[in-house]
Amino acid sequence: MAFAPLILRANIEIDGVDVDDQVSALTLMGSRDVIRIPSTFGARSSVAGGDDTYQAKLDFLQDVDTTAITMILWDLLADADGTFEVSGTFRPGVVSADNPKWTGVALATGVELGGQVNTVAVDSQTFELTGRPTKAIAP
């Protein structure tokens, strides 16, 4: 298959609610802790891989409609569990090997409501995922 850069036109859902019209950016991120091993008389210093962690970043338009991301997150902040499922593809169309669906469980840690007068209210939040996002290649 030839290289095809991502042009983000996703099928994004939060807890099963279609939020495509509200989202301007979805980014999944992963990182690994680095464990530094000090040198000894018998070995040079080195590094080893530690725990892996994952995040999802959402940039979205604010609204106070019950299906708005803002209100979903606002309610989740008061929920004892506070987790939600975020899923989507990065290309339009059906889920396939060339357009996998990514799904992760995120912890709601913040949301903004309001902003500057006479401007479009937007928000950008980065959420810790409870584990590695899954990748599905079939619906």
C-alpha atoms as a PDB file:
ATOM      1  CA  MET A   1       0.000   0.000   0.000  1.00  0.00           C
ATOM      2  CA  ALA A   2       1.240   3.467  -0.847  1.00  0.00           C
ATOM      3  CA  PHE A   3       1.703   6.014   1.897  1.00  0.00           C
ATOM      4  CA  ALA A   4      -1.418   8.111   2.422  1.00  0.00           C
ATOM      5  CA  PRO A   5      -1.137  10.997   4.895  1.00  0.00           C
ATOM      6  CA  LEU A   6      -3.947  11.411   7.384  1.00  0.00           C
ATOM      7  CA  ILE A   7      -6.455  14.092   6.535  1.00  0.00           C
ATOM      8  CA  LEU A   8      -8.547  14.074   9.663  1.00  0.00           C
ATOM      9  CA  ARG A   9     -12.219  13.535   8.917  1.00  0.00           C
ATOM     10  CA  ALA A  10     -13.137  11.250  11.744  1.00  0.00           C
ATOM     11  CA  ASN A  11     -16.115   9.300  13.036  1.00  0.00           C
ATOM     12  CA  ILE A  12     -15.785  10.366  16.670  1.00  0.00           C
ATOM     13  CA  GLU A  13     -17.983   9.224  19.544  1.00  0.00           C
ATOM     14  CA  ILE A  14     -17.987   9.847  23.279  1.00  0.00           C
ATOM     15  CA  ASP A  15     -19.859   7.200  25.241  1.00  0.00           C
ATOM     16  CA  GLY A  16     -21.671   6.259  22.020  1.00  0.00           C
ATOM     17  CA  VAL A  17     -22.744   9.842  21.204  1.00  0.00           C
ATOM     18  CA  ASP A  18     -21.701  11.074  17.723  1.00  0.00           C
ATOM     19  CA  VAL A  19     -19.692  14.260  18.294  1.00  0.00           C
ATOM     20  CA  ASP A  20     -18.123  14.780  14.840  1.00  0.00           C
ATOM     21  CA  ASP A  21     -19.736  18.184  14.410  1.00  0.00           C
ATOM     22  CA  GLN A  22     -18.207  19.433  17.666  1.00  0.00           C
ATOM     23  CA  VAL A  23     -14.640  18.117  17.374  1.00  0.00           C
ATOM     24  CA  SER A  24     -11.924  20.044  15.560  1.00  0.00           C
ATOM     25  CA  ALA A  25      -9.058  17.761  16.611  1.00  0.00           C
ATOM     26  CA  LEU A  26      -8.548  14.311  18.127  1.00  0.00           C
ATOM     27  CA  THR A  27      -5.058  13.169  19.033  1.00  0.00           C
ATOM     28  CA  LEU A  28      -4.063   9.901  20.702  1.00  0.00           C
ATOM     29  CA  MET A  29      -0.691   9.922  22.453  1.00  0.00           C
ATOM     30  CA  GLY A  30       1.455   7.300  24.105  1.00  0.00           C
ATOM     31  CA  SER A  31       4.681   7.436  26.068  1.00  0.00           C
ATOM     32  CA  ARG A  32       6.926   5.174  28.102  1.00  0.00           C
ATOM     33  CA  ASP A  33       8.753   5.957  31.327  1.00  0.00           C
ATOM     34  CA  VAL A  34      12.526   5.688  31.178  1.00  0.00           C
ATOM     35  CA  ILE A  35      14.250   3.898  34.037  1.00  0.00           C
ATOM     36  CA  ARG A  36      17.838   5.054  34.449  1.00  0.00           C
ATOM     37  CA  ILE A  37      20.205   2.349  35.633  1.00  0.00           C
ATOM     38  CA  PRO A  38      23.358   3.795  37.218  1.00  0.00           C
ATOM     39  CA  SER A  39      26.793   2.604  36.247  1.00  0.00           C
ATOM     40  CA  THR A  40      28.700   0.162  38.422  1.00  0.00           C
ATOM     41  CA  PHE A  41      32.346  -0.857  38.339  1.00  0.00           C
ATOM     42  CA  GLY A  42      31.332  -3.668  35.991  1.00  0.00           C
ATOM     43  CA  ALA A  43      28.907  -1.901  33.659  1.00  0.00           C
ATOM     44  CA  ARG A  44      28.159   1.441  32.057  1.00  0.00           C
ATOM     45  CA  SER A  45      25.000   3.300  32.924  1.00  0.00           C
ATOM     46  CA  SER A  46      22.020   2.351  30.811  1.00  0.00           C
ATOM     47  CA  VAL A  47      18.274   2.702  30.489  1.00  0.00           C
ATOM     48  CA  ALA A  48      15.295   0.376  30.493  1.00  0.00           C
ATOM     49  CA  GLY A  49      11.675   0.806  29.534  1.00  0.00           C
ATOM     50  CA  GLY A  50       9.162   1.447  32.282  1.00  0.00           C
ATOM     51  CA  ASP A  51       5.385   1.768  32.303  1.00  0.00           C
ATOM     52  CA  ASP A  52       3.556   2.939  29.202  1.00  0.00           C
ATOM     53  CA  THR A  53       0.835   5.597  29.493  1.00  0.00           C
ATOM     54  CA  TYR A  54      -1.694   6.936  27.000  1.00  0.00           C
ATOM     55  CA  GLN A  55      -3.672  10.131  26.531  1.00  0.00           C
ATOM     56  CA  ALA A  56      -6.408  11.472  24.279  1.00  0.00           C
ATOM     57  CA  LYS A  57      -6.544  15.154  23.386  1.00  0.00           C
ATOM     58  CA  LEU A  58      -9.829  16.672  22.209  1.00  0.00           C
ATOM     59  CA  ASP A  59     -10.271  20.139  20.733  1.00  0.00           C
ATOM     60  CA  PHE A  60     -13.954  20.976  20.464  1.00  0.00           C
ATOM     61  CA  LEU A  61     -16.635  23.633  20.250  1.00  0.00           C
ATOM     62  CA  GLN A  62     -18.482  24.356  23.483  1.00  0.00           C
ATOM     63  CA  ASP A  63     -22.251  24.115  23.831  1.00  0.00           C
ATOM     64  CA  VAL A  64     -24.813  23.578  26.592  1.00  0.00           C
ATOM     65  CA  ASP A  65     -26.987  21.105  24.647  1.00  0.00           C
ATOM     66  CA  THR A  66     -27.378  17.782  26.503  1.00  0.00           C
ATOM     67  CA  THR A  67     -25.388  15.933  23.798  1.00  0.00           C
ATOM     68  CA  ALA A  68     -22.578  18.522  23.729  1.00  0.00           C
ATOM     69  CA  ILE A  69     -19.113  17.363  24.753  1.00  0.00           C
ATOM     70  CA  THR A  70     -19.027  20.220  27.260  1.00  0.00           C
ATOM     71  CA  MET A  71     -22.107  18.924  29.087  1.00  0.00           C
ATOM     72  CA  ILE A  72     -21.032  15.263  28.870  1.00  0.00           C
ATOM     73  CA  LEU A  73     -17.705  16.151  30.502  1.00  0.00           C
ATOM     74  CA  TRP A  74     -19.334  18.534  33.003  1.00  0.00           C
ATOM     75  CA  ASP A  75     -21.577  15.717  34.238  1.00  0.00           C
ATOM     76  CA  LEU A  76     -18.702  13.225  34.303  1.00  0.00           C
ATOM     77  CA  LEU A  77     -16.696  15.476  36.632  1.00  0.00           C
ATOM     78  CA  ALA A  78     -19.373  14.915  39.298  1.00  0.00           C
ATOM     79  CA  ASP A  79     -19.561  11.165  38.622  1.00  0.00           C
ATOM     80  CA  ALA A  80     -17.706   8.958  41.126  1.00  0.00           C
ATOM     81  CA  ASP A  81     -16.111   6.895  38.327  1.00  0.00           C
ATOM     82  CA  GLY A  82     -15.652   9.794  35.911  1.00  0.00           C
ATOM     83  CA  THR A  83     -14.575   7.663  32.970  1.00  0.00           C
ATOM     84  CA  PHE A  84     -15.853   7.728  29.414  1.00  0.00           C
ATOM     85  CA  GLU A  85     -15.197   5.905  26.179  1.00  0.00           C
ATOM     86  CA  VAL A  86     -13.748   7.897  23.299  1.00  0.00           C
ATOM     87  CA  SER A  87     -13.596   6.247  19.900  1.00  0.00           C
ATOM     88  CA  GLY A  88     -13.152   7.172  16.299  1.00  0.00           C
ATOM     89  CA  THR A  89     -11.437   6.710  12.999  1.00  0.00           C
ATOM     90  CA  PHE A  90      -9.063   9.198  11.455  1.00  0.00           C
ATOM     91  CA  ARG A  91     -10.505   8.888   7.973  1.00  0.00           C
ATOM     92  CA  PRO A  92     -14.133   8.948   6.833  1.00  0.00           C
ATOM     93  CA  GLY A  93     -15.883   5.744   5.852  1.00  0.00           C
ATOM     94  CA  VAL A  94     -16.166   2.257   7.226  1.00  0.00           C
ATOM     95  CA  VAL A  95     -13.776   0.630   9.658  1.00  0.00           C
ATOM     96  CA  SER A  96     -11.114  -1.370   7.810  1.00  0.00           C
ATOM     97  CA  ALA A  97      -7.425  -2.238   7.873  1.00  0.00           C
ATOM     98  CA  ASP A  98      -6.756   1.125   6.170  1.00  0.00           C
ATOM     99  CA  ASN A  99      -9.158   2.973   8.490  1.00  0.00           C
ATOM    100  CA  PRO A 100      -9.018   1.340  11.944  1.00  0.00           C
ATOM    101  CA  LYS A 101     -11.296   2.388  14.766  1.00  0.00           C
ATOM    102  CA  TRP A 102      -9.441   3.435  17.899  1.00  0.00           C
ATOM    103  CA  THR A 103     -11.147   3.133  21.292  1.00  0.00           C
ATOM    104  CA  GLY A 104      -9.938   4.131  24.722  1.00  0.00           C
ATOM    105  CA  VAL A 105     -11.361   4.735  28.181  1.00  0.00           C
ATOM    106  CA  ALA A 106     -10.498   8.192  29.473  1.00  0.00           C
ATOM    107  CA  LEU A 107     -10.747   9.856  32.863  1.00  0.00           C
ATOM    108  CA  ALA A 108     -12.654  13.171  32.777  1.00  0.00           C
ATOM    109  CA  THR A 109     -10.302  15.607  34.499  1.00  0.00           C
ATOM    110  CA  GLY A 110     -11.442  18.996  33.244  1.00  0.00           C
ATOM    111  CA  VAL A 111     -13.734  21.054  31.025  1.00  0.00           C
ATOM    112  CA  GLU A 112     -14.227  24.750  30.312  1.00  0.00           C
ATOM    113  CA  LEU A 113     -17.525  26.540  29.884  1.00  0.00           C
ATOM    114  CA  GLY A 114     -17.683  30.062  28.488  1.00  0.00           C
ATOM    115  CA  GLY A 115     -15.027  32.388  27.162  1.00  0.00           C
ATOM    116  CA  GLN A 116     -14.476  35.733  25.516  1.00  0.00           C
ATOM    117  CA  VAL A 117     -17.428  37.879  24.429  1.00  0.00           C
ATOM    118  CA  ASN A 118     -18.332  37.779  20.692  1.00  0.00           C
ATOM    119  CA  THR A 119     -16.134  34.774  19.918  1.00  0.00           C
ATOM    120  CA  VAL A 120     -16.825  31.098  19.339  1.00  0.00           C
ATOM    121  CA  ALA A 121     -16.401  29.224  22.615  1.00  0.00           C
ATOM    122  CA  VAL A 122     -13.838  26.436  22.230  1.00  0.00           C
ATOM    123  CA  ASP A 123     -12.080  24.075  24.610  1.00  0.00           C
ATOM    124  CA  SER A 124      -9.067  21.788  24.458  1.00  0.00           C
ATOM    125  CA  GLN A 125      -8.595  19.033  27.025  1.00  0.00           C
ATOM    126  CA  THR A 126      -6.086  16.211  27.390  1.00  0.00           C
ATOM    127  CA  PHE A 127      -7.324  13.135  29.231  1.00  0.00           C
ATOM    128  CA  GLU A 128      -5.367  10.250  30.721  1.00  0.00           C
ATOM    129  CA  LEU A 129      -6.491   6.897  29.336  1.00  0.00           C
ATOM    130  CA  THR A 130      -6.933   3.992  31.742  1.00  0.00           C
ATOM    131  CA  GLY A 131      -4.980   1.724  29.387  1.00  0.00           C
ATOM    132  CA  ARG A 132      -3.704   1.305  25.862  1.00  0.00           C
ATOM    133  CA  PRO A 133      -6.327   2.205  23.208  1.00  0.00           C
ATOM    134  CA  THR A 134      -7.564  -0.717  21.159  1.00  0.00           C
ATOM    135  CA  LYS A 135      -7.435  -0.788  17.377  1.00  0.00           C
ATOM    136  CA  ALA A 136     -10.239  -2.555  15.487  1.00  0.00           C
ATOM    137  CA  ILE A 137     -10.065  -3.209  11.741  1.00  0.00           C
ATOM    138  CA  ALA A 138     -13.601  -4.578  11.392  1.00  0.00           C
ATOM    139  CA  PRO A 139     -16.909  -3.114  12.628  1.00  0.00           C
END
